[in-house]
Amino acid sequence: MRDLKLSELPRRVAAIVESVEDAMPNDAIARRLRELGFVAGERVELMAAGPFTAEPLLVQVGFTRFALRRVEAARVRVAMAGDPA
């Protein structure tokens, strides 16, 4: 199974969230990502990226879409959906 960051995921390829990395104890950004639905086992897909700096990233988790900065998306660890465990 190939482990990568959400920010590295190719566009329109389904993946499964493995974890959200905390940069420090009680990390507000990591907590907010989990509250938005970036939790282990959830299906996620990178839909699009901005035109010039490839920011923001349009990410779909479940049936909801969010705009994330690359540094935020880099905290979400994913595995390709078709990979065996």
PDB file of N, CA and C in Angstrom:
ATOM      1  N   MET A   1       0.844  -1.179   0.000  1.00  0.00           N
ATOM      2  CA  MET A   1       0.000   0.000   0.000  1.00  0.00           C
ATOM      3  C   MET A   1       0.887   1.238   0.000  1.00  0.00           C
ATOM      4  N   ARG A   2       0.601   2.150  -0.884  1.00  0.00           N
ATOM      5  CA  ARG A   2       1.389   3.370  -1.006  1.00  0.00           C
ATOM      6  C   ARG A   2       0.799   4.467  -0.129  1.00  0.00           C
ATOM      7  N   ASP A   3       1.554   4.927   0.839  1.00  0.00           N
ATOM      8  CA  ASP A   3       1.125   5.974   1.762  1.00  0.00           C
ATOM      9  C   ASP A   3       1.579   7.324   1.218  1.00  0.00           C
ATOM     10  N   LEU A   4       0.652   8.266   1.087  1.00  0.00           N
ATOM     11  CA  LEU A   4       1.017   9.590   0.627  1.00  0.00           C
ATOM     12  C   LEU A   4       0.181  10.651   1.287  1.00  0.00           C
ATOM     13  N   LYS A   5       0.565  11.887   1.043  1.00  0.00           N
ATOM     14  CA  LYS A   5      -0.166  13.020   1.580  1.00  0.00           C
ATOM     15  C   LYS A   5      -1.294  13.364   0.616  1.00  0.00           C
ATOM     16  N   LEU A   6      -2.357  13.912   1.136  1.00  0.00           N
ATOM     17  CA  LEU A   6      -3.476  14.324   0.293  1.00  0.00           C
ATOM     18  C   LEU A   6      -3.015  15.331  -0.756  1.00  0.00           C
ATOM     19  N   SER A   7      -2.074  16.183  -0.413  1.00  0.00           N
ATOM     20  CA  SER A   7      -1.562  17.184  -1.360  1.00  0.00           C
ATOM     21  C   SER A   7      -0.801  16.542  -2.518  1.00  0.00           C
ATOM     22  N   GLU A   8      -0.358  15.290  -2.377  1.00  0.00           N
ATOM     23  CA  GLU A   8       0.372  14.566  -3.430  1.00  0.00           C
ATOM     24  C   GLU A   8      -0.531  13.676  -4.272  1.00  0.00           C
ATOM     25  N   LEU A   9      -1.764  13.546  -3.880  1.00  0.00           N
ATOM     26  CA  LEU A   9      -2.699  12.652  -4.567  1.00  0.00           C
ATOM     27  C   LEU A   9      -2.992  13.169  -5.972  1.00  0.00           C
ATOM     28  N   PRO A  10      -2.933  12.316  -6.989  1.00  0.00           N
ATOM     29  CA  PRO A  10      -3.306  12.752  -8.337  1.00  0.00           C
ATOM     30  C   PRO A  10      -4.785  13.157  -8.371  1.00  0.00           C
ATOM     31  N   ARG A  11      -5.109  14.055  -9.258  1.00  0.00           N
ATOM     32  CA  ARG A  11      -6.502  14.503  -9.388  1.00  0.00           C
ATOM     33  C   ARG A  11      -7.402  13.365  -9.838  1.00  0.00           C
ATOM     34  N   ARG A  12      -8.604  13.376  -9.278  1.00  0.00           N
ATOM     35  CA  ARG A  12      -9.667  12.431  -9.644  1.00  0.00           C
ATOM     36  C   ARG A  12      -9.317  10.972  -9.362  1.00  0.00           C
ATOM     37  N   VAL A  13      -8.491  10.742  -8.347  1.00  0.00           N
ATOM     38  CA  VAL A  13      -8.150   9.384  -7.919  1.00  0.00           C
ATOM     39  C   VAL A  13      -8.644   9.211  -6.491  1.00  0.00           C
ATOM     40  N   ALA A  14      -9.455   8.207  -6.266  1.00  0.00           N
ATOM     41  CA  ALA A  14     -10.010   7.973  -4.933  1.00  0.00           C
ATOM     42  C   ALA A  14      -8.940   7.446  -3.989  1.00  0.00           C
ATOM     43  N   ALA A  15      -9.022   7.895  -2.748  1.00  0.00           N
ATOM     44  CA  ALA A  15      -8.120   7.435  -1.699  1.00  0.00           C
ATOM     45  C   ALA A  15      -8.911   7.317  -0.403  1.00  0.00           C
ATOM     46  N   ILE A  16      -8.284   6.694   0.577  1.00  0.00           N
ATOM     47  CA  ILE A  16      -8.894   6.516   1.889  1.00  0.00           C
ATOM     48  C   ILE A  16      -8.025   7.236   2.913  1.00  0.00           C
ATOM     49  N   VAL A  17      -8.647   8.044   3.756  1.00  0.00           N
ATOM     50  CA  VAL A  17      -7.918   8.754   4.804  1.00  0.00           C
ATOM     51  C   VAL A  17      -7.372   7.741   5.804  1.00  0.00           C
ATOM     52  N   GLU A  18      -6.092   7.877   6.117  1.00  0.00           N
ATOM     53  CA  GLU A  18      -5.472   7.043   7.150  1.00  0.00           C
ATOM     54  C   GLU A  18      -5.355   7.805   8.465  1.00  0.00           C
ATOM     55  N   SER A  19      -4.937   9.068   8.393  1.00  0.00           N
ATOM     56  CA  SER A  19      -4.774   9.859   9.613  1.00  0.00           C
ATOM     57  C   SER A  19      -4.601  11.332   9.262  1.00  0.00           C
ATOM     58  N   VAL A  20      -4.707  12.164  10.285  1.00  0.00           N
ATOM     59  CA  VAL A  20      -4.381  13.587  10.190  1.00  0.00           C
ATOM     60  C   VAL A  20      -3.243  13.829  11.161  1.00  0.00           C
ATOM     61  N   GLU A  21      -2.154  14.398  10.667  1.00  0.00           N
ATOM     62  CA  GLU A  21      -0.973  14.617  11.490  1.00  0.00           C
ATOM     63  C   GLU A  21      -1.109  15.886  12.321  1.00  0.00           C
ATOM     64  N   ASP A  22      -0.781  15.771  13.602  1.00  0.00           N
ATOM     65  CA  ASP A  22      -0.751  16.922  14.498  1.00  0.00           C
ATOM     66  C   ASP A  22       0.650  17.520  14.469  1.00  0.00           C
ATOM     67  N   ALA A  23       0.748  18.831  14.222  1.00  0.00           N
ATOM     68  CA  ALA A  23       2.044  19.498  14.216  1.00  0.00           C
ATOM     69  C   ALA A  23       2.518  19.811  15.629  1.00  0.00           C
ATOM     70  N   MET A  24       1.577  19.890  16.576  1.00  0.00           N
ATOM     71  CA  MET A  24       1.873  20.189  17.976  1.00  0.00           C
ATOM     72  C   MET A  24       0.732  19.654  18.823  1.00  0.00           C
ATOM     73  N   PRO A  25       0.909  19.562  20.118  1.00  0.00           N
ATOM     74  CA  PRO A  25      -0.208  19.133  20.968  1.00  0.00           C
ATOM     75  C   PRO A  25      -1.381  20.115  20.852  1.00  0.00           C
ATOM     76  N   ASN A  26      -2.583  19.584  20.862  1.00  0.00           N
ATOM     77  CA  ASN A  26      -3.803  20.388  20.760  1.00  0.00           C
ATOM     78  C   ASN A  26      -3.794  21.251  19.492  1.00  0.00           C
ATOM     79  N   ASP A  27      -3.412  20.680  18.370  1.00  0.00           N
ATOM     80  CA  ASP A  27      -3.286  21.365  17.084  1.00  0.00           C
ATOM     81  C   ASP A  27      -4.670  21.735  16.536  1.00  0.00           C
ATOM     82  N   ALA A  28      -4.958  23.022  16.448  1.00  0.00           N
ATOM     83  CA  ALA A  28      -6.271  23.507  16.021  1.00  0.00           C
ATOM     84  C   ALA A  28      -6.583  23.144  14.570  1.00  0.00           C
ATOM     85  N   ILE A  29      -5.594  23.197  13.690  1.00  0.00           N
ATOM     86  CA  ILE A  29      -5.842  22.882  12.278  1.00  0.00           C
ATOM     87  C   ILE A  29      -6.148  21.396  12.115  1.00  0.00           C
ATOM     88  N   ALA A  30      -5.369  20.543  12.759  1.00  0.00           N
ATOM     89  CA  ALA A  30      -5.614  19.100  12.678  1.00  0.00           C
ATOM     90  C   ALA A  30      -6.989  18.767  13.267  1.00  0.00           C
ATOM     91  N   ARG A  31      -7.330  19.389  14.368  1.00  0.00           N
ATOM     92  CA  ARG A  31      -8.632  19.152  14.985  1.00  0.00           C
ATOM     93  C   ARG A  31      -9.760  19.576  14.036  1.00  0.00           C
ATOM     94  N   ARG A  32      -9.605  20.725  13.393  1.00  0.00           N
ATOM     95  CA  ARG A  32     -10.632  21.221  12.464  1.00  0.00           C
ATOM     96  C   ARG A  32     -10.769  20.301  11.253  1.00  0.00           C
ATOM     97  N   LEU A  33      -9.667  19.796  10.737  1.00  0.00           N
ATOM     98  CA  LEU A  33      -9.728  18.859   9.614  1.00  0.00           C
ATOM     99  C   LEU A  33     -10.524  17.614  10.004  1.00  0.00           C
ATOM    100  N   ARG A  34     -10.286  17.102  11.207  1.00  0.00           N
ATOM    101  CA  ARG A  34     -11.044  15.935  11.679  1.00  0.00           C
ATOM    102  C   ARG A  34     -12.524  16.264  11.833  1.00  0.00           C
ATOM    103  N   GLU A  35     -12.828  17.459  12.335  1.00  0.00           N
ATOM    104  CA  GLU A  35     -14.221  17.882  12.484  1.00  0.00           C
ATOM    105  C   GLU A  35     -14.923  17.979  11.137  1.00  0.00           C
ATOM    106  N   LEU A  36     -14.177  18.351  10.102  1.00  0.00           N
ATOM    107  CA  LEU A  36     -14.750  18.468   8.755  1.00  0.00           C
ATOM    108  C   LEU A  36     -14.992  17.111   8.106  1.00  0.00           C
ATOM    109  N   GLY A  37     -14.444  16.040   8.686  1.00  0.00           N
ATOM    110  CA  GLY A  37     -14.695  14.710   8.155  1.00  0.00           C
ATOM    111  C   GLY A  37     -13.471  13.962   7.673  1.00  0.00           C
ATOM    112  N   PHE A  38     -12.286  14.537   7.832  1.00  0.00           N
ATOM    113  CA  PHE A  38     -11.055  13.854   7.436  1.00  0.00           C
ATOM    114  C   PHE A  38     -10.657  12.893   8.556  1.00  0.00           C
ATOM    115  N   VAL A  39     -11.346  11.762   8.602  1.00  0.00           N
ATOM    116  CA  VAL A  39     -11.125  10.754   9.633  1.00  0.00           C
ATOM    117  C   VAL A  39     -10.769   9.423   8.964  1.00  0.00           C
ATOM    118  N   ALA A  40     -10.087   8.574   9.706  1.00  0.00           N
ATOM    119  CA  ALA A  40      -9.635   7.286   9.174  1.00  0.00           C
ATOM    120  C   ALA A  40     -10.790   6.504   8.567  1.00  0.00           C
ATOM    121  N   GLY A  41     -10.556   5.999   7.351  1.00  0.00           N
ATOM    122  CA  GLY A  41     -11.550   5.180   6.665  1.00  0.00           C
ATOM    123  C   GLY A  41     -12.451   5.946   5.717  1.00  0.00           C
ATOM    124  N   GLU A  42     -12.422   7.272   5.770  1.00  0.00           N
ATOM    125  CA  GLU A  42     -13.295   8.084   4.907  1.00  0.00           C
ATOM    126  C   GLU A  42     -12.694   8.189   3.508  1.00  0.00           C
ATOM    127  N   ARG A  43     -13.551   8.119   2.496  1.00  0.00           N
ATOM    128  CA  ARG A  43     -13.117   8.251   1.103  1.00  0.00           C
ATOM    129  C   ARG A  43     -12.856   9.723   0.805  1.00  0.00           C
ATOM    130  N   VAL A  44     -11.766   9.999   0.092  1.00  0.00           N
ATOM    131  CA  VAL A  44     -11.391  11.369  -0.246  1.00  0.00           C
ATOM    132  C   VAL A  44     -10.887  11.406  -1.682  1.00  0.00           C
ATOM    133  N   GLU A  45     -11.060  12.553  -2.316  1.00  0.00           N
ATOM    134  CA  GLU A  45     -10.621  12.710  -3.703  1.00  0.00           C
ATOM    135  C   GLU A  45     -10.217  14.159  -3.942  1.00  0.00           C
ATOM    136  N   LEU A  46      -9.089  14.363  -4.619  1.00  0.00           N
ATOM    137  CA  LEU A  46      -8.647  15.694  -5.012  1.00  0.00           C
ATOM    138  C   LEU A  46      -9.330  16.009  -6.338  1.00  0.00           C
ATOM    139  N   MET A  47     -10.211  17.007  -6.329  1.00  0.00           N
ATOM    140  CA  MET A  47     -11.024  17.306  -7.504  1.00  0.00           C
ATOM    141  C   MET A  47     -10.329  18.270  -8.472  1.00  0.00           C
ATOM    142  N   ALA A  48      -9.702  19.331  -7.932  1.00  0.00           N
ATOM    143  CA  ALA A  48      -9.096  20.355  -8.781  1.00  0.00           C
ATOM    144  C   ALA A  48      -8.101  21.166  -7.959  1.00  0.00           C
ATOM    145  N   ALA A  49      -7.311  21.966  -8.660  1.00  0.00           N
ATOM    146  CA  ALA A  49      -6.361  22.870  -8.007  1.00  0.00           C
ATOM    147  C   ALA A  49      -6.447  24.226  -8.681  1.00  0.00           C
ATOM    148  N   GLY A  50      -6.068  25.259  -7.949  1.00  0.00           N
ATOM    149  CA  GLY A  50      -6.091  26.622  -8.480  1.00  0.00           C
ATOM    150  C   GLY A  50      -5.206  26.769  -9.712  1.00  0.00           C
ATOM    151  N   PRO A  51      -5.416  27.830 -10.481  1.00  0.00           N
ATOM    152  CA  PRO A  51      -4.762  27.970 -11.779  1.00  0.00           C
ATOM    153  C   PRO A  51      -3.267  28.293 -11.774  1.00  0.00           C
ATOM    154  N   PHE A  52      -2.780  29.090 -10.839  1.00  0.00           N
ATOM    155  CA  PHE A  52      -1.390  29.536 -10.940  1.00  0.00           C
ATOM    156  C   PHE A  52      -0.452  28.806  -9.988  1.00  0.00           C
ATOM    157  N   THR A  53      -0.706  28.869  -8.720  1.00  0.00           N
ATOM    158  CA  THR A  53       0.167  28.224  -7.738  1.00  0.00           C
ATOM    159  C   THR A  53      -0.391  26.876  -7.300  1.00  0.00           C
ATOM    160  N   ALA A  54      -1.412  26.408  -8.008  1.00  0.00           N
ATOM    161  CA  ALA A  54      -2.101  25.155  -7.681  1.00  0.00           C
ATOM    162  C   ALA A  54      -2.710  25.223  -6.283  1.00  0.00           C
ATOM    163  N   GLU A  55      -3.119  26.418  -5.880  1.00  0.00           N
ATOM    164  CA  GLU A  55      -3.820  26.620  -4.613  1.00  0.00           C
ATOM    165  C   GLU A  55      -5.041  27.474  -4.869  1.00  0.00           C
ATOM    166  N   PRO A  56      -6.111  27.272  -4.172  1.00  0.00           N
ATOM    167  CA  PRO A  56      -6.324  26.203  -3.206  1.00  0.00           C
ATOM    168  C   PRO A  56      -6.621  24.883  -3.908  1.00  0.00           C
ATOM    169  N   LEU A  57      -6.658  23.811  -3.126  1.00  0.00           N
ATOM    170  CA  LEU A  57      -7.031  22.500  -3.638  1.00  0.00           C
ATOM    171  C   LEU A  57      -8.505  22.279  -3.334  1.00  0.00           C
ATOM    172  N   LEU A  58      -9.246  21.803  -4.311  1.00  0.00           N
ATOM    173  CA  LEU A  58     -10.646  21.443  -4.090  1.00  0.00           C
ATOM    174  C   LEU A  58     -10.666  19.957  -3.782  1.00  0.00           C
ATOM    175  N   VAL A  59     -11.078  19.624  -2.562  1.00  0.00           N
ATOM    176  CA  VAL A  59     -11.045  18.257  -2.064  1.00  0.00           C
ATOM    177  C   VAL A  59     -12.451  17.819  -1.699  1.00  0.00           C
ATOM    178  N   GLN A  60     -12.795  16.600  -2.092  1.00  0.00           N
ATOM    179  CA  GLN A  60     -14.089  16.037  -1.705  1.00  0.00           C
ATOM    180  C   GLN A  60     -13.859  14.941  -0.688  1.00  0.00           C
ATOM    181  N   VAL A  61     -14.540  15.068   0.451  1.00  0.00           N
ATOM    182  CA  VAL A  61     -14.509  14.027   1.479  1.00  0.00           C
ATOM    183  C   VAL A  61     -15.963  13.633   1.708  1.00  0.00           C
ATOM    184  N   GLY A  62     -16.242  12.364   1.501  1.00  0.00           N
ATOM    185  CA  GLY A  62     -17.642  11.932   1.522  1.00  0.00           C
ATOM    186  C   GLY A  62     -18.374  12.589   0.364  1.00  0.00           C
ATOM    187  N   PHE A  63     -19.431  13.336   0.675  1.00  0.00           N
ATOM    188  CA  PHE A  63     -20.196  14.036  -0.364  1.00  0.00           C
ATOM    189  C   PHE A  63     -20.012  15.541  -0.287  1.00  0.00           C
ATOM    190  N   THR A  64     -19.053  16.003   0.503  1.00  0.00           N
ATOM    191  CA  THR A  64     -18.845  17.430   0.713  1.00  0.00           C
ATOM    192  C   THR A  64     -17.508  17.857   0.133  1.00  0.00           C
ATOM    193  N   ARG A  65     -17.485  19.064  -0.445  1.00  0.00           N
ATOM    194  CA  ARG A  65     -16.251  19.592  -1.026  1.00  0.00           C
ATOM    195  C   ARG A  65     -15.731  20.755  -0.198  1.00  0.00           C
ATOM    196  N   PHE A  66     -14.395  20.811  -0.069  1.00  0.00           N
ATOM    197  CA  PHE A  66     -13.728  21.851   0.701  1.00  0.00           C
ATOM    198  C   PHE A  66     -12.566  22.407  -0.106  1.00  0.00           C
ATOM    199  N   ALA A  67     -12.254  23.677   0.107  1.00  0.00           N
ATOM    200  CA  ALA A  67     -11.041  24.281  -0.445  1.00  0.00           C
ATOM    201  C   ALA A  67     -10.005  24.276   0.667  1.00  0.00           C
ATOM    202  N   LEU A  68      -8.865  23.655   0.407  1.00  0.00           N
ATOM    203  CA  LEU A  68      -7.783  23.568   1.388  1.00  0.00           C
ATOM    204  C   LEU A  68      -6.502  24.144   0.811  1.00  0.00           C
ATOM    205  N   ARG A  69      -5.703  24.747   1.680  1.00  0.00           N
ATOM    206  CA  ARG A  69      -4.352  25.134   1.267  1.00  0.00           C
ATOM    207  C   ARG A  69      -3.508  23.865   1.188  1.00  0.00           C
ATOM    208  N   ARG A  70      -2.444  23.909   0.409  1.00  0.00           N
ATOM    209  CA  ARG A  70      -1.566  22.742   0.279  1.00  0.00           C
ATOM    210  C   ARG A  70      -0.978  22.310   1.611  1.00  0.00           C
ATOM    211  N   VAL A  71      -0.609  23.264   2.465  1.00  0.00           N
ATOM    212  CA  VAL A  71      -0.020  22.901   3.758  1.00  0.00           C
ATOM    213  C   VAL A  71      -1.041  22.180   4.639  1.00  0.00           C
ATOM    214  N   GLU A  72      -2.306  22.520   4.506  1.00  0.00           N
ATOM    215  CA  GLU A  72      -3.348  21.816   5.258  1.00  0.00           C
ATOM    216  C   GLU A  72      -3.550  20.410   4.698  1.00  0.00           C
ATOM    217  N   ALA A  73      -3.622  20.302   3.380  1.00  0.00           N
ATOM    218  CA  ALA A  73      -3.814  18.997   2.739  1.00  0.00           C
ATOM    219  C   ALA A  73      -2.634  18.070   3.001  1.00  0.00           C
ATOM    220  N   ALA A  74      -1.447  18.626   3.179  1.00  0.00           N
ATOM    221  CA  ALA A  74      -0.255  17.815   3.428  1.00  0.00           C
ATOM    222  C   ALA A  74      -0.304  17.123   4.786  1.00  0.00           C
ATOM    223  N   ARG A  75      -1.174  17.561   5.675  1.00  0.00           N
ATOM    224  CA  ARG A  75      -1.300  16.929   6.994  1.00  0.00           C
ATOM    225  C   ARG A  75      -2.148  15.664   6.959  1.00  0.00           C
ATOM    226  N   VAL A  76      -2.903  15.483   5.881  1.00  0.00           N
ATOM    227  CA  VAL A  76      -3.806  14.333   5.769  1.00  0.00           C
ATOM    228  C   VAL A  76      -3.078  13.218   5.044  1.00  0.00           C
ATOM    229  N   ARG A  77      -2.869  12.081   5.716  1.00  0.00           N
ATOM    230  CA  ARG A  77      -2.234  10.905   5.126  1.00  0.00           C
ATOM    231  C   ARG A  77      -3.311  10.027   4.531  1.00  0.00           C
ATOM    232  N   VAL A  78      -3.087   9.588   3.293  1.00  0.00           N
ATOM    233  CA  VAL A  78      -4.067   8.778   2.591  1.00  0.00           C
ATOM    234  C   VAL A  78      -3.399   7.558   1.967  1.00  0.00           C
ATOM    235  N   ALA A  79      -4.224   6.578   1.605  1.00  0.00           N
ATOM    236  CA  ALA A  79      -3.783   5.405   0.850  1.00  0.00           C
ATOM    237  C   ALA A  79      -4.684   5.303  -0.357  1.00  0.00           C
ATOM    238  N   MET A  80      -4.126   4.908  -1.474  1.00  0.00           N
ATOM    239  CA  MET A  80      -4.909   4.757  -2.694  1.00  0.00           C
ATOM    240  C   MET A  80      -6.040   3.763  -2.422  1.00  0.00           C
ATOM    241  N   ALA A  81      -7.233   4.062  -2.885  1.00  0.00           N
ATOM    242  CA  ALA A  81      -8.418   3.268  -2.568  1.00  0.00           C
ATOM    243  C   ALA A  81      -8.321   1.829  -3.076  1.00  0.00           C
ATOM    244  N   GLY A  82      -7.670   1.600  -4.204  1.00  0.00           N
ATOM    245  CA  GLY A  82      -7.603   0.262  -4.757  1.00  0.00           C
ATOM    246  C   GLY A  82      -6.481  -0.604  -4.206  1.00  0.00           C
ATOM    247  N   ASP A  83      -5.596  -0.022  -3.393  1.00  0.00           N
ATOM    248  CA  ASP A  83      -4.447  -0.766  -2.860  1.00  0.00           C
ATOM    249  C   ASP A  83      -4.889  -1.756  -1.791  1.00  0.00           C
ATOM    250  N   PRO A  84      -4.323  -2.964  -1.782  1.00  0.00           N
ATOM    251  CA  PRO A  84      -4.625  -3.911  -0.704  1.00  0.00           C
ATOM    252  C   PRO A  84      -3.985  -3.462   0.598  1.00  0.00           C
ATOM    253  N   ALA A  85      -4.577  -3.836   1.700  1.00  0.00           N
ATOM    254  CA  ALA A  85      -4.072  -3.398   3.017  1.00  0.00           C
ATOM    255  C   ALA A  85      -2.776  -4.068   3.398  1.00  0.00           C
TER     256      ALA A  85
END
